[in-house]
Every structure is written in structure tokens, then in C-alpha cells.
Amino acid sequence: GKVLFSSLYPGCIAETGLFRNHVPVFKKLFPVFQKYVTKGYVSEEEAGKRLAQVVSDPAMGKSGVYWSWNNATGAFENRVSEEVADDGKAAKLWEISEKLVGMSA
């Protein structure tokens, strides 16, 4: 078999433990803001469906893709910034990560 690499942004999951240390008013208002103002709200269930779609849908079997969703039109291949695609920065990040976890030579 072959190994594919994909990443995804399932959307703003505003009601998870991610905001557990935030001030209470933020935790209460942020989901409402996402639902009714930005229209970018994504439930935990929907985020899970999107993750399952990336790993199981043959149409999403392209390696190296950063998948995103538009609530109106569905999944699409998102473009990453030049900074994210910089091989030099990736190599430096790898090197630093190796040192931090004690794997450097």
C-alpha cells in the first residue's frame, strides 16, 4: 500500500475543551457569534464527519492536501501560505523538534 498525508481544518468547533481556560463570558458568547454572525460554527459531530470523510472518501485520496470546508459548498483543497510551504523553515522546525525531544545526533 501507499501512505498518504493530509491535513484538515474542519471548521471552528466553538464548544470543545479548547476554550476551557477562557473567561466564562467568552465561552458563552463565542459559539453564538460563530453560529449567527460569522456562520462558521461547526459542531463536534460535524467535525468528526469531516475527519472521517478525509480518511475514507476516495475522492480525497490525494496526498499533501490541506482540506477545508465551506459550510455552503463543502470540502475543497485549501492553499497554504508561502511560509507554510517553505522547505527551509520545515527543515529548521524538524531540527529543533529533534533537539527538543532528545533525538538529535
N, C-alpha and C. Protein backbone atom coordinates (compact mmCIF):
# COMPACT_ATOMS: atom_id res chain seq x y z
N GLY A 1 0.81 -1.19 0.00
CA GLY A 1 0.00 0.00 0.00
C GLY A 1 0.85 1.25 0.00
N LYS A 2 0.20 2.35 -0.14
CA LYS A 2 0.92 3.62 -0.12
C LYS A 2 0.44 4.46 1.06
N VAL A 3 1.29 5.33 1.50
CA VAL A 3 0.98 6.21 2.62
C VAL A 3 0.62 7.58 2.06
N LEU A 4 -0.51 8.11 2.50
CA LEU A 4 -0.93 9.46 2.12
C LEU A 4 -0.82 10.37 3.32
N PHE A 5 -0.53 11.62 3.06
CA PHE A 5 -0.51 12.62 4.12
C PHE A 5 -1.49 13.71 3.76
N SER A 6 -2.40 13.97 4.67
CA SER A 6 -3.35 15.07 4.50
C SER A 6 -3.49 15.79 5.83
N SER A 7 -3.87 17.03 5.76
CA SER A 7 -4.22 17.78 6.96
C SER A 7 -5.57 18.41 6.70
N LEU A 8 -6.23 18.80 7.77
CA LEU A 8 -7.54 19.40 7.58
C LEU A 8 -7.83 20.45 8.63
N TYR A 9 -8.67 21.37 8.24
CA TYR A 9 -9.26 22.33 9.16
C TYR A 9 -10.76 22.08 9.07
N PRO A 10 -11.32 21.39 10.07
CA PRO A 10 -12.74 21.03 9.97
C PRO A 10 -13.69 22.20 10.18
N GLY A 11 -13.17 23.33 10.61
CA GLY A 11 -14.00 24.49 10.91
C GLY A 11 -13.83 24.87 12.37
N CYS A 12 -14.47 25.91 12.78
CA CYS A 12 -14.36 26.39 14.16
C CYS A 12 -15.31 25.59 15.05
N ILE A 13 -14.74 24.72 15.85
CA ILE A 13 -15.51 23.91 16.78
C ILE A 13 -15.53 24.68 18.10
N ALA A 14 -16.53 25.51 18.25
CA ALA A 14 -16.54 26.50 19.32
C ALA A 14 -16.95 25.96 20.69
N GLU A 15 -17.42 24.74 20.76
CA GLU A 15 -17.89 24.21 22.04
C GLU A 15 -17.11 22.98 22.48
N THR A 16 -15.79 23.09 22.47
CA THR A 16 -14.93 22.00 22.91
C THR A 16 -14.11 22.46 24.10
N GLY A 17 -13.29 21.57 24.61
CA GLY A 17 -12.41 21.90 25.71
C GLY A 17 -11.31 22.88 25.33
N LEU A 18 -11.19 23.19 24.05
CA LEU A 18 -10.17 24.12 23.59
C LEU A 18 -10.24 25.46 24.34
N PHE A 19 -11.45 25.86 24.68
CA PHE A 19 -11.63 27.16 25.34
C PHE A 19 -11.88 27.03 26.85
N ARG A 20 -11.54 25.87 27.43
CA ARG A 20 -11.85 25.60 28.84
C ARG A 20 -11.23 26.59 29.81
N ASN A 21 -10.12 27.19 29.45
CA ASN A 21 -9.45 28.13 30.35
C ASN A 21 -9.78 29.58 30.05
N HIS A 22 -10.70 29.79 29.14
CA HIS A 22 -11.08 31.15 28.78
C HIS A 22 -12.09 31.71 29.79
N VAL A 23 -12.28 33.01 29.76
CA VAL A 23 -13.25 33.63 30.66
C VAL A 23 -14.65 33.12 30.32
N PRO A 24 -15.50 32.94 31.33
CA PRO A 24 -16.84 32.38 31.11
C PRO A 24 -17.67 33.10 30.06
N VAL A 25 -17.60 34.42 30.01
CA VAL A 25 -18.42 35.15 29.05
C VAL A 25 -18.00 34.81 27.61
N PHE A 26 -16.71 34.61 27.40
CA PHE A 26 -16.24 34.22 26.07
C PHE A 26 -16.79 32.85 25.70
N LYS A 27 -16.71 31.90 26.64
CA LYS A 27 -17.19 30.54 26.37
C LYS A 27 -18.68 30.52 26.05
N LYS A 28 -19.40 31.46 26.62
CA LYS A 28 -20.85 31.53 26.38
C LYS A 28 -21.16 32.22 25.04
N LEU A 29 -20.46 33.31 24.74
CA LEU A 29 -20.78 34.11 23.57
C LEU A 29 -20.12 33.66 22.27
N PHE A 30 -18.94 33.04 22.36
CA PHE A 30 -18.22 32.67 21.14
C PHE A 30 -19.02 31.72 20.25
N PRO A 31 -19.62 30.65 20.79
CA PRO A 31 -20.42 29.78 19.92
C PRO A 31 -21.59 30.52 19.25
N VAL A 32 -22.21 31.40 19.98
CA VAL A 32 -23.33 32.19 19.43
C VAL A 32 -22.82 33.08 18.29
N PHE A 33 -21.68 33.71 18.52
CA PHE A 33 -21.05 34.55 17.49
C PHE A 33 -20.75 33.73 16.24
N GLN A 34 -20.19 32.53 16.42
CA GLN A 34 -19.87 31.67 15.28
C GLN A 34 -21.12 31.21 14.53
N LYS A 35 -22.17 30.92 15.26
CA LYS A 35 -23.42 30.45 14.64
C LYS A 35 -24.13 31.54 13.85
N TYR A 36 -24.28 32.72 14.46
CA TYR A 36 -25.17 33.72 13.89
C TYR A 36 -24.50 34.91 13.22
N VAL A 37 -23.24 35.17 13.52
CA VAL A 37 -22.56 36.31 12.91
C VAL A 37 -21.64 35.84 11.78
N THR A 38 -20.69 34.97 12.09
CA THR A 38 -19.75 34.52 11.05
C THR A 38 -20.32 33.37 10.22
N LYS A 39 -21.29 32.67 10.76
CA LYS A 39 -21.88 31.48 10.12
C LYS A 39 -20.83 30.38 9.93
N GLY A 40 -19.79 30.43 10.76
CA GLY A 40 -18.71 29.46 10.65
C GLY A 40 -18.76 28.35 11.68
N TYR A 41 -19.82 28.28 12.45
CA TYR A 41 -19.94 27.29 13.52
C TYR A 41 -19.94 25.87 12.96
N VAL A 42 -19.19 24.99 13.62
CA VAL A 42 -19.16 23.57 13.28
C VAL A 42 -19.31 22.78 14.57
N SER A 43 -20.25 21.86 14.61
CA SER A 43 -20.44 21.03 15.80
C SER A 43 -19.33 19.98 15.87
N GLU A 44 -19.14 19.41 17.06
CA GLU A 44 -18.16 18.33 17.21
C GLU A 44 -18.53 17.16 16.30
N GLU A 45 -19.82 16.87 16.19
CA GLU A 45 -20.27 15.78 15.33
C GLU A 45 -19.91 16.04 13.87
N GLU A 46 -20.15 17.26 13.40
CA GLU A 46 -19.82 17.60 12.01
C GLU A 46 -18.32 17.55 11.78
N ALA A 47 -17.53 18.02 12.74
CA ALA A 47 -16.07 17.96 12.61
C ALA A 47 -15.61 16.50 12.49
N GLY A 48 -16.23 15.62 13.27
CA GLY A 48 -15.90 14.20 13.19
C GLY A 48 -16.24 13.61 11.84
N LYS A 49 -17.38 14.02 11.28
CA LYS A 49 -17.76 13.55 9.94
C LYS A 49 -16.75 14.01 8.91
N ARG A 50 -16.26 15.22 9.06
CA ARG A 50 -15.28 15.75 8.11
C ARG A 50 -13.96 14.99 8.20
N LEU A 51 -13.54 14.67 9.41
CA LEU A 51 -12.33 13.87 9.59
C LEU A 51 -12.52 12.49 8.95
N ALA A 52 -13.66 11.86 9.21
CA ALA A 52 -13.94 10.55 8.62
C ALA A 52 -13.96 10.63 7.10
N GLN A 53 -14.47 11.72 6.56
CA GLN A 53 -14.51 11.90 5.11
C GLN A 53 -13.11 11.94 4.52
N VAL A 54 -12.20 12.66 5.17
CA VAL A 54 -10.83 12.77 4.67
C VAL A 54 -10.14 11.41 4.64
N VAL A 55 -10.39 10.58 5.64
CA VAL A 55 -9.69 9.29 5.68
C VAL A 55 -10.39 8.18 4.90
N SER A 56 -11.66 8.38 4.52
CA SER A 56 -12.37 7.28 3.87
C SER A 56 -12.89 7.56 2.46
N ASP A 57 -13.00 8.82 2.08
CA ASP A 57 -13.55 9.16 0.76
C ASP A 57 -12.47 9.06 -0.31
N PRO A 58 -12.62 8.15 -1.27
CA PRO A 58 -11.60 8.03 -2.32
C PRO A 58 -11.33 9.34 -3.07
N ALA A 59 -12.32 10.20 -3.16
CA ALA A 59 -12.13 11.49 -3.84
C ALA A 59 -11.15 12.39 -3.08
N MET A 60 -10.89 12.06 -1.81
CA MET A 60 -9.98 12.87 -1.00
C MET A 60 -8.66 12.13 -0.79
N GLY A 61 -8.36 11.17 -1.64
CA GLY A 61 -7.17 10.35 -1.50
C GLY A 61 -5.93 10.93 -2.14
N LYS A 62 -5.84 12.24 -2.17
CA LYS A 62 -4.68 12.92 -2.75
C LYS A 62 -3.73 13.32 -1.63
N SER A 63 -2.48 12.93 -1.72
CA SER A 63 -1.51 13.22 -0.67
C SER A 63 -1.06 14.68 -0.71
N GLY A 64 -0.76 15.21 0.46
CA GLY A 64 -0.22 16.56 0.57
C GLY A 64 -1.26 17.67 0.54
N VAL A 65 -2.53 17.32 0.70
CA VAL A 65 -3.60 18.31 0.61
C VAL A 65 -3.98 18.82 1.99
N TYR A 66 -4.27 20.10 2.06
CA TYR A 66 -4.81 20.73 3.27
C TYR A 66 -6.29 20.96 2.99
N TRP A 67 -7.14 20.09 3.54
CA TRP A 67 -8.57 20.14 3.28
C TRP A 67 -9.27 21.15 4.20
N SER A 68 -10.19 21.87 3.63
CA SER A 68 -11.04 22.81 4.38
C SER A 68 -12.47 22.64 3.89
N TRP A 69 -13.39 23.29 4.58
CA TRP A 69 -14.80 23.22 4.20
C TRP A 69 -15.40 24.60 4.18
N ASN A 70 -16.32 24.76 3.28
CA ASN A 70 -17.17 25.93 3.24
C ASN A 70 -18.55 25.38 3.58
N ASN A 71 -19.20 25.96 4.58
CA ASN A 71 -20.49 25.43 5.01
C ASN A 71 -21.51 25.40 3.88
N ALA A 72 -21.34 26.23 2.88
CA ALA A 72 -22.30 26.28 1.79
C ALA A 72 -21.97 25.30 0.65
N THR A 73 -20.66 25.10 0.39
CA THR A 73 -20.29 24.31 -0.79
C THR A 73 -19.56 23.02 -0.48
N GLY A 74 -19.13 22.79 0.74
CA GLY A 74 -18.46 21.55 1.09
C GLY A 74 -16.96 21.62 1.07
N ALA A 75 -16.32 20.46 0.93
CA ALA A 75 -14.87 20.34 1.03
C ALA A 75 -14.16 20.93 -0.19
N PHE A 76 -12.96 21.45 0.07
CA PHE A 76 -12.12 21.94 -1.02
C PHE A 76 -10.65 21.87 -0.60
N GLU A 77 -9.76 21.85 -1.59
CA GLU A 77 -8.33 21.87 -1.33
C GLU A 77 -7.92 23.30 -1.04
N ASN A 78 -7.51 23.53 0.19
CA ASN A 78 -7.11 24.87 0.59
C ASN A 78 -5.67 25.12 0.18
N ARG A 79 -5.35 26.35 -0.11
CA ARG A 79 -3.98 26.73 -0.45
C ARG A 79 -3.27 27.15 0.82
N VAL A 80 -2.05 26.65 0.99
CA VAL A 80 -1.27 27.05 2.16
C VAL A 80 -0.45 28.29 1.80
N SER A 81 -0.04 29.01 2.82
CA SER A 81 0.76 30.21 2.59
C SER A 81 2.17 29.84 2.15
N GLU A 82 2.88 30.80 1.60
CA GLU A 82 4.27 30.58 1.20
C GLU A 82 5.10 30.16 2.40
N GLU A 83 4.82 30.75 3.54
CA GLU A 83 5.58 30.43 4.75
C GLU A 83 5.40 28.96 5.14
N VAL A 84 4.20 28.46 5.05
CA VAL A 84 3.93 27.06 5.38
C VAL A 84 4.62 26.12 4.40
N ALA A 85 4.72 26.53 3.15
CA ALA A 85 5.31 25.69 2.11
C ALA A 85 6.83 25.84 2.00
N ASP A 86 7.44 26.59 2.89
CA ASP A 86 8.88 26.87 2.84
C ASP A 86 9.67 25.65 3.35
N ASP A 87 10.38 24.97 2.45
CA ASP A 87 11.14 23.77 2.82
C ASP A 87 12.25 24.07 3.82
N GLY A 88 12.86 25.23 3.71
CA GLY A 88 13.92 25.62 4.65
C GLY A 88 13.39 25.74 6.07
N LYS A 89 12.23 26.37 6.21
CA LYS A 89 11.62 26.51 7.53
C LYS A 89 11.17 25.15 8.07
N ALA A 90 10.70 24.28 7.18
CA ALA A 90 10.29 22.94 7.60
C ALA A 90 11.48 22.16 8.14
N ALA A 91 12.61 22.26 7.45
CA ALA A 91 13.82 21.56 7.89
C ALA A 91 14.29 22.09 9.25
N LYS A 92 14.23 23.40 9.43
CA LYS A 92 14.63 24.01 10.71
C LYS A 92 13.69 23.57 11.83
N LEU A 93 12.39 23.54 11.56
CA LEU A 93 11.42 23.08 12.55
C LEU A 93 11.69 21.63 12.93
N TRP A 94 11.99 20.80 11.94
CA TRP A 94 12.30 19.39 12.20
C TRP A 94 13.53 19.27 13.10
N GLU A 95 14.58 20.04 12.77
CA GLU A 95 15.81 20.02 13.53
C GLU A 95 15.57 20.44 14.98
N ILE A 96 14.84 21.51 15.18
CA ILE A 96 14.55 21.99 16.53
C ILE A 96 13.71 20.95 17.28
N SER A 97 12.74 20.35 16.59
CA SER A 97 11.89 19.34 17.22
C SER A 97 12.71 18.14 17.66
N GLU A 98 13.65 17.70 16.84
CA GLU A 98 14.52 16.59 17.21
C GLU A 98 15.29 16.91 18.48
N LYS A 99 15.82 18.12 18.57
CA LYS A 99 16.58 18.52 19.77
C LYS A 99 15.67 18.55 20.99
N LEU A 100 14.47 19.07 20.84
CA LEU A 100 13.56 19.19 21.98
C LEU A 100 13.13 17.84 22.54
N VAL A 101 13.04 16.84 21.69
CA VAL A 101 12.62 15.52 22.16
C VAL A 101 13.81 14.58 22.37
N GLY A 102 15.04 15.10 22.25
CA GLY A 102 16.22 14.31 22.52
C GLY A 102 16.58 13.31 21.44
N MET A 103 16.21 13.60 20.20
CA MET A 103 16.51 12.66 19.10
C MET A 103 17.63 13.15 18.19
N SER A 104 18.24 14.28 18.47
CA SER A 104 19.27 14.80 17.58
C SER A 104 20.57 14.02 17.81
N ALA A 105 21.37 13.98 16.75
CA ALA A 105 22.64 13.22 16.82
C ALA A 105 23.67 13.91 17.65
